[in-house]
Amino acid sequence: EDALARRFGVQRWPSIVFLRDGGYVATVSGMLA
C-alpha cells in the first residue's frame, strides 16, 4: 500500500487508482456518496 501510494501520489485513504495499460489515469479518494 505505501509504495503504491508514493508511486501514484495518493495522500488520502481510501483511494481508488485508475490505470490503463499500466499508465496512470485518475485517483478517486475518500468515501463518497
Full PDB file with SEQRES, HELIX, SHEET, SSBOND, CRYST1, ORIGX, SCALE, CONECT and MASTER records, all heavy atoms in Angstrom:
SEQRES   1 A   33  GLU ASP ALA LEU ALA ARG ARG PHE GLY VAL GLN ARG TRP          
SEQRES   2 A   33  PRO SER ILE VAL PHE LEU ARG ASP GLY GLY TYR VAL ALA          
SEQRES   3 A   33  THR VAL SER GLY MET LEU ALA                                  
HELIX    1 AA1 ASP A    2  PHE A    8  1                                   7    
SHEET    1 AA1 2 SER A  15  ARG A  20  0                                        
SHEET    2 AA1 2 GLY A  23  SER A  29 -1                                        
CRYST1    1.000    1.000    1.000  90.00  90.00  90.00 P 1           1          
ORIGX1      1.000000  0.000000  0.000000        0.00000                         
ORIGX2      0.000000  1.000000  0.000000        0.00000                         
ORIGX3      0.000000  0.000000  1.000000        0.00000                         
SCALE1      1.000000  0.000000  0.000000        0.00000                         
SCALE2      0.000000  1.000000  0.000000        0.00000                         
SCALE3      0.000000  0.000000  1.000000        0.00000                         
ATOM      1  N   GLU A   1       0.797  -1.222   0.000  1.00  0.00           N  
ATOM      2  CA  GLU A   1       0.000   0.000   0.000  1.00  0.00           C  
ATOM      3  C   GLU A   1       0.836   1.282   0.000  1.00  0.00           C  
ATOM      4  O   GLU A   1       0.575   2.194  -0.782  1.00  0.00           O  
ATOM      5  CB  GLU A   1      -0.917  -0.041   1.222  1.00  0.00           C  
ATOM      6  CG  GLU A   1      -1.915   1.057   1.300  1.00  0.00           C  
ATOM      7  CD  GLU A   1      -2.806   0.875   2.514  1.00  0.00           C  
ATOM      8  OE1 GLU A   1      -2.385   1.267   3.616  1.00  0.00           O  
ATOM      9  OE2 GLU A   1      -3.906   0.329   2.351  1.00  0.00           O  
ATOM     10  N   ASP A   2       1.829   1.361   0.860  1.00  0.00           N  
ATOM     11  CA  ASP A   2       2.620   2.595   0.963  1.00  0.00           C  
ATOM     12  C   ASP A   2       3.421   2.872  -0.309  1.00  0.00           C  
ATOM     13  O   ASP A   2       3.489   4.008  -0.773  1.00  0.00           O  
ATOM     14  CB  ASP A   2       3.548   2.546   2.177  1.00  0.00           C  
ATOM     15  CG  ASP A   2       2.781   2.606   3.491  1.00  0.00           C  
ATOM     16  OD1 ASP A   2       1.647   3.120   3.497  1.00  0.00           O  
ATOM     17  OD2 ASP A   2       3.316   2.130   4.510  1.00  0.00           O  
ATOM     18  N   ALA A   3       4.015   1.842  -0.889  1.00  0.00           N  
ATOM     19  CA  ALA A   3       4.791   2.022  -2.121  1.00  0.00           C  
ATOM     20  C   ALA A   3       3.882   2.469  -3.268  1.00  0.00           C  
ATOM     21  O   ALA A   3       4.245   3.349  -4.054  1.00  0.00           O  
ATOM     22  CB  ALA A   3       5.524   0.740  -2.487  1.00  0.00           C  
ATOM     23  N   LEU A   4       2.710   1.881  -3.368  1.00  0.00           N  
ATOM     24  CA  LEU A   4       1.766   2.285  -4.411  1.00  0.00           C  
ATOM     25  C   LEU A   4       1.277   3.718  -4.186  1.00  0.00           C  
ATOM     26  O   LEU A   4       1.118   4.480  -5.137  1.00  0.00           O  
ATOM     27  CB  LEU A   4       0.593   1.312  -4.479  1.00  0.00           C  
ATOM     28  CG  LEU A   4       0.942  -0.055  -5.053  1.00  0.00           C  
ATOM     29  CD1 LEU A   4      -0.209  -1.033  -4.821  1.00  0.00           C  
ATOM     30  CD2 LEU A   4       1.267   0.051  -6.529  1.00  0.00           C  
ATOM     31  N   ALA A   5       1.044   4.070  -2.925  1.00  0.00           N  
ATOM     32  CA  ALA A   5       0.613   5.435  -2.618  1.00  0.00           C  
ATOM     33  C   ALA A   5       1.667   6.441  -3.062  1.00  0.00           C  
ATOM     34  O   ALA A   5       1.339   7.471  -3.667  1.00  0.00           O  
ATOM     35  CB  ALA A   5       0.336   5.570  -1.116  1.00  0.00           C  
ATOM     36  N   ARG A   6       2.929   6.159  -2.792  1.00  0.00           N  
ATOM     37  CA  ARG A   6       4.007   7.066  -3.234  1.00  0.00           C  
ATOM     38  C   ARG A   6       4.068   7.126  -4.759  1.00  0.00           C  
ATOM     39  O   ARG A   6       4.203   8.201  -5.340  1.00  0.00           O  
ATOM     40  CB  ARG A   6       5.347   6.605  -2.669  1.00  0.00           C  
ATOM     41  CG  ARG A   6       5.571   6.987  -1.221  1.00  0.00           C  
ATOM     42  CD  ARG A   6       6.992   6.721  -0.772  1.00  0.00           C  
ATOM     43  NE  ARG A   6       7.411   5.335  -0.938  1.00  0.00           N  
ATOM     44  CZ  ARG A   6       7.161   4.349  -0.074  1.00  0.00           C  
ATOM     45  NH1 ARG A   6       6.485   4.606   1.027  1.00  0.00           N  
ATOM     46  NH2 ARG A   6       7.591   3.125  -0.296  1.00  0.00           N  
ATOM     47  N   ARG A   7       3.965   5.978  -5.399  1.00  0.00           N  
ATOM     48  CA  ARG A   7       4.074   5.921  -6.871  1.00  0.00           C  
ATOM     49  C   ARG A   7       2.984   6.723  -7.568  1.00  0.00           C  
ATOM     50  O   ARG A   7       3.220   7.370  -8.588  1.00  0.00           O  
ATOM     51  CB  ARG A   7       4.016   4.467  -7.317  1.00  0.00           C  
ATOM     52  CG  ARG A   7       4.092   4.293  -8.809  1.00  0.00           C  
ATOM     53  CD  ARG A   7       4.120   2.836  -9.179  1.00  0.00           C  
ATOM     54  NE  ARG A   7       4.067   2.667 -10.614  1.00  0.00           N  
ATOM     55  CZ  ARG A   7       3.932   1.506 -11.211  1.00  0.00           C  
ATOM     56  NH1 ARG A   7       3.866   0.400 -10.509  1.00  0.00           N  
ATOM     57  NH2 ARG A   7       3.886   1.444 -12.515  1.00  0.00           N  
ATOM     58  N   PHE A   8       1.763   6.683  -7.007  1.00  0.00           N  
ATOM     59  CA  PHE A   8       0.635   7.333  -7.673  1.00  0.00           C  
ATOM     60  C   PHE A   8       0.152   8.595  -6.970  1.00  0.00           C  
ATOM     61  O   PHE A   8      -0.887   9.136  -7.308  1.00  0.00           O  
ATOM     62  CB  PHE A   8      -0.507   6.330  -7.848  1.00  0.00           C  
ATOM     63  CG  PHE A   8      -0.132   5.187  -8.750  1.00  0.00           C  
ATOM     64  CD1 PHE A   8      -0.017   3.910  -8.258  1.00  0.00           C  
ATOM     65  CD2 PHE A   8       0.131   5.408 -10.098  1.00  0.00           C  
ATOM     66  CE1 PHE A   8       0.348   2.854  -9.084  1.00  0.00           C  
ATOM     67  CE2 PHE A   8       0.503   4.373 -10.935  1.00  0.00           C  
ATOM     68  CZ  PHE A   8       0.611   3.091 -10.426  1.00  0.00           C  
ATOM     69  N   GLY A   9       0.917   9.087  -6.007  1.00  0.00           N  
ATOM     70  CA  GLY A   9       0.590  10.353  -5.362  1.00  0.00           C  
ATOM     71  C   GLY A   9      -0.630  10.312  -4.462  1.00  0.00           C  
ATOM     72  O   GLY A   9      -1.256  11.342  -4.227  1.00  0.00           O  
ATOM     73  N   VAL A  10      -0.976   9.144  -3.943  1.00  0.00           N  
ATOM     74  CA  VAL A  10      -2.134   9.021  -3.054  1.00  0.00           C  
ATOM     75  C   VAL A  10      -1.784   9.608  -1.692  1.00  0.00           C  
ATOM     76  O   VAL A  10      -0.770   9.259  -1.101  1.00  0.00           O  
ATOM     77  CB  VAL A  10      -2.565   7.543  -2.909  1.00  0.00           C  
ATOM     78  CG1 VAL A  10      -3.629   7.388  -1.839  1.00  0.00           C  
ATOM     79  CG2 VAL A  10      -3.042   7.004  -4.246  1.00  0.00           C  
ATOM     80  N   GLN A  11      -2.631  10.502  -1.210  1.00  0.00           N  
ATOM     81  CA  GLN A  11      -2.401  11.140   0.080  1.00  0.00           C  
ATOM     82  C   GLN A  11      -3.579  10.985   1.026  1.00  0.00           C  
ATOM     83  O   GLN A  11      -3.563  11.491   2.139  1.00  0.00           O  
ATOM     84  CB  GLN A  11      -2.085  12.624  -0.121  1.00  0.00           C  
ATOM     85  CG  GLN A  11      -0.820  12.828  -0.906  1.00  0.00           C  
ATOM     86  CD  GLN A  11      -0.499  14.297  -1.052  1.00  0.00           C  
ATOM     87  OE1 GLN A  11      -1.020  15.157  -0.357  1.00  0.00           O  
ATOM     88  NE2 GLN A  11       0.380  14.599  -1.977  1.00  0.00           N  
ATOM     89  N   ARG A  12      -4.618  10.296   0.576  1.00  0.00           N  
ATOM     90  CA  ARG A  12      -5.827  10.144   1.388  1.00  0.00           C  
ATOM     91  C   ARG A  12      -6.375   8.737   1.181  1.00  0.00           C  
ATOM     92  O   ARG A  12      -6.367   8.217   0.080  1.00  0.00           O  
ATOM     93  CB  ARG A  12      -6.844  11.187   0.928  1.00  0.00           C  
ATOM     94  CG  ARG A  12      -8.073  11.238   1.750  1.00  0.00           C  
ATOM     95  CD  ARG A  12      -8.909  12.445   1.338  1.00  0.00           C  
ATOM     96  NE  ARG A  12     -10.236  12.298   1.870  1.00  0.00           N  
ATOM     97  CZ  ARG A  12     -11.326  12.725   1.281  1.00  0.00           C  
ATOM     98  NH1 ARG A  12     -11.255  13.356   0.135  1.00  0.00           N  
ATOM     99  NH2 ARG A  12     -12.501  12.547   1.832  1.00  0.00           N  
ATOM    100  N   TRP A  13      -6.834   8.154   2.278  1.00  0.00           N  
ATOM    101  CA  TRP A  13      -7.385   6.796   2.223  1.00  0.00           C  
ATOM    102  C   TRP A  13      -8.856   6.841   2.570  1.00  0.00           C  
ATOM    103  O   TRP A  13      -9.249   7.669   3.384  1.00  0.00           O  
ATOM    104  CB  TRP A  13      -6.649   5.899   3.216  1.00  0.00           C  
ATOM    105  CG  TRP A  13      -5.356   5.389   2.713  1.00  0.00           C  
ATOM    106  CD1 TRP A  13      -5.117   4.124   2.277  1.00  0.00           C  
ATOM    107  CD2 TRP A  13      -4.117   6.086   2.575  1.00  0.00           C  
ATOM    108  NE1 TRP A  13      -3.798   4.001   1.877  1.00  0.00           N  
ATOM    109  CE2 TRP A  13      -3.174   5.203   2.050  1.00  0.00           C  
ATOM    110  CE3 TRP A  13      -3.713   7.390   2.827  1.00  0.00           C  
ATOM    111  CZ2 TRP A  13      -1.863   5.560   1.785  1.00  0.00           C  
ATOM    112  CZ3 TRP A  13      -2.411   7.754   2.560  1.00  0.00           C  
ATOM    113  CH2 TRP A  13      -1.501   6.845   2.051  1.00  0.00           C  
ATOM    114  N   PRO A  14      -9.664   5.989   1.987  1.00  0.00           N  
ATOM    115  CA  PRO A  14      -9.333   5.067   0.912  1.00  0.00           C  
ATOM    116  C   PRO A  14      -9.212   5.811  -0.410  1.00  0.00           C  
ATOM    117  O   PRO A  14      -9.775   6.889  -0.587  1.00  0.00           O  
ATOM    118  CB  PRO A  14     -10.515   4.108   0.877  1.00  0.00           C  
ATOM    119  CG  PRO A  14     -11.668   4.936   1.351  1.00  0.00           C  
ATOM    120  CD  PRO A  14     -11.087   5.888   2.366  1.00  0.00           C  
ATOM    121  N   SER A  15      -8.460   5.221  -1.329  1.00  0.00           N  
ATOM    122  CA  SER A  15      -8.322   5.774  -2.678  1.00  0.00           C  
ATOM    123  C   SER A  15      -8.458   4.665  -3.696  1.00  0.00           C  
ATOM    124  O   SER A  15      -7.990   3.549  -3.478  1.00  0.00           O  
ATOM    125  CB  SER A  15      -6.966   6.459  -2.862  1.00  0.00           C  
ATOM    126  OG  SER A  15      -6.943   7.697  -2.193  1.00  0.00           O  
ATOM    127  N   ILE A  16      -9.085   5.002  -4.801  1.00  0.00           N  
ATOM    128  CA  ILE A  16      -9.183   4.097  -5.943  1.00  0.00           C  
ATOM    129  C   ILE A  16      -8.328   4.718  -7.038  1.00  0.00           C  
ATOM    130  O   ILE A  16      -8.564   5.860  -7.448  1.00  0.00           O  
ATOM    131  CB  ILE A  16     -10.641   3.954  -6.424  1.00  0.00           C  
ATOM    132  CG1 ILE A  16     -11.536   3.451  -5.292  1.00  0.00           C  
ATOM    133  CG2 ILE A  16     -10.700   3.018  -7.626  1.00  0.00           C  
ATOM    134  CD1 ILE A  16     -13.021   3.501  -5.631  1.00  0.00           C  
ATOM    135  N   VAL A  17      -7.320   3.980  -7.486  1.00  0.00           N  
ATOM    136  CA  VAL A  17      -6.420   4.455  -8.528  1.00  0.00           C  
ATOM    137  C   VAL A  17      -6.816   3.773  -9.836  1.00  0.00           C  
ATOM    138  O   VAL A  17      -6.944   2.554  -9.888  1.00  0.00           O  
ATOM    139  CB  VAL A  17      -4.949   4.151  -8.179  1.00  0.00           C  
ATOM    140  CG1 VAL A  17      -4.023   4.585  -9.308  1.00  0.00           C  
ATOM    141  CG2 VAL A  17      -4.558   4.828  -6.874  1.00  0.00           C  
ATOM    142  N   PHE A  18      -7.001   4.558 -10.861  1.00  0.00           N  
ATOM    143  CA  PHE A  18      -7.366   4.034 -12.176  1.00  0.00           C  
ATOM    144  C   PHE A  18      -6.132   4.013 -13.062  1.00  0.00           C  
ATOM    145  O   PHE A  18      -5.444   5.033 -13.201  1.00  0.00           O  
ATOM    146  CB  PHE A  18      -8.445   4.914 -12.829  1.00  0.00           C  
ATOM    147  CG  PHE A  18      -9.782   4.787 -12.163  1.00  0.00           C  
ATOM    148  CD1 PHE A  18     -10.071   5.505 -11.021  1.00  0.00           C  
ATOM    149  CD2 PHE A  18     -10.739   3.928 -12.678  1.00  0.00           C  
ATOM    150  CE1 PHE A  18     -11.296   5.388 -10.390  1.00  0.00           C  
ATOM    151  CE2 PHE A  18     -11.976   3.796 -12.056  1.00  0.00           C  
ATOM    152  CZ  PHE A  18     -12.251   4.521 -10.906  1.00  0.00           C  
ATOM    153  N   LEU A  19      -5.862   2.861 -13.654  1.00  0.00           N  
ATOM    154  CA  LEU A  19      -4.748   2.681 -14.577  1.00  0.00           C  
ATOM    155  C   LEU A  19      -5.296   2.145 -15.882  1.00  0.00           C  
ATOM    156  O   LEU A  19      -6.297   1.427 -15.897  1.00  0.00           O  
ATOM    157  CB  LEU A  19      -3.735   1.682 -14.017  1.00  0.00           C  
ATOM    158  CG  LEU A  19      -3.183   1.961 -12.621  1.00  0.00           C  
ATOM    159  CD1 LEU A  19      -2.330   0.802 -12.152  1.00  0.00           C  
ATOM    160  CD2 LEU A  19      -2.384   3.256 -12.612  1.00  0.00           C  
ATOM    161  N   ARG A  20      -4.627   2.481 -16.967  1.00  0.00           N  
ATOM    162  CA  ARG A  20      -4.978   1.917 -18.273  1.00  0.00           C  
ATOM    163  C   ARG A  20      -3.683   1.474 -18.925  1.00  0.00           C  
ATOM    164  O   ARG A  20      -2.776   2.280 -19.130  1.00  0.00           O  
ATOM    165  CB  ARG A  20      -5.696   2.946 -19.139  1.00  0.00           C  
ATOM    166  CG  ARG A  20      -6.178   2.353 -20.456  1.00  0.00           C  
ATOM    167  CD  ARG A  20      -6.994   3.337 -21.303  1.00  0.00           C  
ATOM    168  NE  ARG A  20      -8.153   3.836 -20.573  1.00  0.00           N  
ATOM    169  CZ  ARG A  20      -8.328   5.122 -20.228  1.00  0.00           C  
ATOM    170  NH1 ARG A  20      -7.434   6.036 -20.536  1.00  0.00           N  
ATOM    171  NH2 ARG A  20      -9.420   5.494 -19.563  1.00  0.00           N  
ATOM    172  N   ASP A  21      -3.592   0.185 -19.226  1.00  0.00           N  
ATOM    173  CA  ASP A  21      -2.372  -0.382 -19.816  1.00  0.00           C  
ATOM    174  C   ASP A  21      -1.141  -0.005 -18.993  1.00  0.00           C  
ATOM    175  O   ASP A  21      -0.078   0.290 -19.542  1.00  0.00           O  
ATOM    176  CB  ASP A  21      -2.207   0.060 -21.271  1.00  0.00           C  
ATOM    177  CG  ASP A  21      -3.359  -0.402 -22.153  1.00  0.00           C  
ATOM    178  OD1 ASP A  21      -3.866  -1.524 -21.924  1.00  0.00           O  
ATOM    179  OD2 ASP A  21      -3.753   0.349 -23.063  1.00  0.00           O  
ATOM    180  N   GLY A  22      -1.287   0.023 -17.672  1.00  0.00           N  
ATOM    181  CA  GLY A  22      -0.177   0.332 -16.771  1.00  0.00           C  
ATOM    182  C   GLY A  22       0.070   1.803 -16.550  1.00  0.00           C  
ATOM    183  O   GLY A  22       0.869   2.175 -15.702  1.00  0.00           O  
ATOM    184  N   GLY A  23      -0.593   2.667 -17.308  1.00  0.00           N  
ATOM    185  CA  GLY A  23      -0.406   4.110 -17.168  1.00  0.00           C  
ATOM    186  C   GLY A  23      -1.452   4.724 -16.248  1.00  0.00           C  
ATOM    187  O   GLY A  23      -2.591   4.280 -16.197  1.00  0.00           O  
ATOM    188  N   TYR A  24      -1.062   5.757 -15.539  1.00  0.00           N  
ATOM    189  CA  TYR A  24      -1.952   6.429 -14.589  1.00  0.00           C  
ATOM    190  C   TYR A  24      -3.062   7.189 -15.316  1.00  0.00           C  
ATOM    191  O   TYR A  24      -2.817   7.874 -16.311  1.00  0.00           O  
ATOM    192  CB  TYR A  24      -1.142   7.414 -13.729  1.00  0.00           C  
ATOM    193  CG  TYR A  24      -2.000   8.212 -12.794  1.00  0.00           C  
ATOM    194  CD1 TYR A  24      -2.402   7.688 -11.575  1.00  0.00           C  
ATOM    195  CD2 TYR A  24      -2.450   9.475 -13.151  1.00  0.00           C  
ATOM    196  CE1 TYR A  24      -3.215   8.416 -10.724  1.00  0.00           C  
ATOM    197  CE2 TYR A  24      -3.266  10.206 -12.306  1.00  0.00           C  
ATOM    198  CZ  TYR A  24      -3.645   9.668 -11.100  1.00  0.00           C  
ATOM    199  OH  TYR A  24      -4.455  10.382 -10.270  1.00  0.00           O  
ATOM    200  N   VAL A  25      -4.284   7.076 -14.793  1.00  0.00           N  
ATOM    201  CA  VAL A  25      -5.425   7.810 -15.350  1.00  0.00           C  
ATOM    202  C   VAL A  25      -6.006   8.771 -14.322  1.00  0.00           C  
ATOM    203  O   VAL A  25      -6.156   9.960 -14.588  1.00  0.00           O  
ATOM    204  CB  VAL A  25      -6.518   6.842 -15.854  1.00  0.00           C  
ATOM    205  CG1 VAL A  25      -7.740   7.601 -16.329  1.00  0.00           C  
ATOM    206  CG2 VAL A  25      -5.976   5.950 -16.958  1.00  0.00           C  
ATOM    207  N   ALA A  26      -6.362   8.273 -13.136  1.00  0.00           N  
ATOM    208  CA  ALA A  26      -7.028   9.126 -12.143  1.00  0.00           C  
ATOM    209  C   ALA A  26      -7.011   8.464 -10.780  1.00  0.00           C  
ATOM    210  O   ALA A  26      -6.781   7.261 -10.663  1.00  0.00           O  
ATOM    211  CB  ALA A  26      -8.477   9.383 -12.563  1.00  0.00           C  
ATOM    212  N   THR A  27      -7.291   9.252  -9.770  1.00  0.00           N  
ATOM    213  CA  THR A  27      -7.473   8.751  -8.411  1.00  0.00           C  
ATOM    214  C   THR A  27      -8.768   9.337  -7.860  1.00  0.00           C  
ATOM    215  O   THR A  27      -9.037  10.530  -8.023  1.00  0.00           O  
ATOM    216  CB  THR A  27      -6.312   9.174  -7.493  1.00  0.00           C  
ATOM    217  OG1 THR A  27      -5.097   8.638  -8.011  1.00  0.00           O  
ATOM    218  CG2 THR A  27      -6.514   8.675  -6.061  1.00  0.00           C  
ATOM    219  N   VAL A  28      -9.545   8.497  -7.228  1.00  0.00           N  
ATOM    220  CA  VAL A  28     -10.749   8.934  -6.516  1.00  0.00           C  
ATOM    221  C   VAL A  28     -10.492   8.615  -5.050  1.00  0.00           C  
ATOM    222  O   VAL A  28     -10.270   7.462  -4.688  1.00  0.00           O  
ATOM    223  CB  VAL A  28     -12.007   8.195  -7.026  1.00  0.00           C  
ATOM    224  CG1 VAL A  28     -13.220   8.596  -6.223  1.00  0.00           C  
ATOM    225  CG2 VAL A  28     -12.218   8.470  -8.511  1.00  0.00           C  
ATOM    226  N   SER A  29     -10.492   9.648  -4.204  1.00  0.00           N  
ATOM    227  CA  SER A  29     -10.142   9.466  -2.800  1.00  0.00           C  
ATOM    228  C   SER A  29     -11.312   9.727  -1.874  1.00  0.00           C  
ATOM    229  O   SER A  29     -12.147  10.588  -2.142  1.00  0.00           O  
ATOM    230  CB  SER A  29      -8.992  10.408  -2.420  1.00  0.00           C  
ATOM    231  OG  SER A  29      -7.837  10.080  -3.146  1.00  0.00           O  
ATOM    232  N   GLY A  30     -11.328   8.991  -0.773  1.00  0.00           N  
ATOM    233  CA  GLY A  30     -12.323   9.170   0.273  1.00  0.00           C  
ATOM    234  C   GLY A  30     -13.574   8.339   0.032  1.00  0.00           C  
ATOM    235  O   GLY A  30     -13.757   7.751  -1.020  1.00  0.00           O  
ATOM    236  N   MET A  31     -14.405   8.286   1.040  1.00  0.00           N  
ATOM    237  CA  MET A  31     -15.708   7.644   0.914  1.00  0.00           C  
ATOM    238  C   MET A  31     -16.670   8.713   0.413  1.00  0.00           C  
ATOM    239  O   MET A  31     -16.755   9.800   0.978  1.00  0.00           O  
ATOM    240  CB  MET A  31     -16.180   7.086   2.262  1.00  0.00           C  
ATOM    241  CG  MET A  31     -15.380   5.882   2.736  1.00  0.00           C  
ATOM    242  SD  MET A  31     -15.394   4.477   1.599  1.00  0.00           S  
ATOM    243  CE  MET A  31     -17.117   4.019   1.581  1.00  0.00           C  
ATOM    244  N   LEU A  32     -17.353   8.416  -0.675  1.00  0.00           N  
ATOM    245  CA  LEU A  32     -18.210   9.389  -1.327  1.00  0.00           C  
ATOM    246  C   LEU A  32     -19.658   8.915  -1.362  1.00  0.00           C  
ATOM    247  O   LEU A  32     -19.935   7.730  -1.182  1.00  0.00           O  
ATOM    248  CB  LEU A  32     -17.743   9.610  -2.774  1.00  0.00           C  
ATOM    249  CG  LEU A  32     -16.282   9.980  -2.992  1.00  0.00           C  
ATOM    250  CD1 LEU A  32     -15.979  10.056  -4.481  1.00  0.00           C  
ATOM    251  CD2 LEU A  32     -15.952  11.288  -2.301  1.00  0.00           C  
ATOM    252  N   ALA A  33     -20.549   9.823  -1.642  1.00  0.00           N  
ATOM    253  CA  ALA A  33     -21.932   9.460  -1.914  1.00  0.00           C  
ATOM    254  C   ALA A  33     -21.943   8.643  -3.206  1.00  0.00           C  
ATOM    255  O   ALA A  33     -21.089   8.831  -4.085  1.00  0.00           O  
ATOM    256  CB  ALA A  33     -22.792  10.718  -2.075  1.00  0.00           C  
TER     257      ALA A  33                                                      
MASTER        0    0    0    1    2    0    0    6  256    1    0    3          
END                                                                             
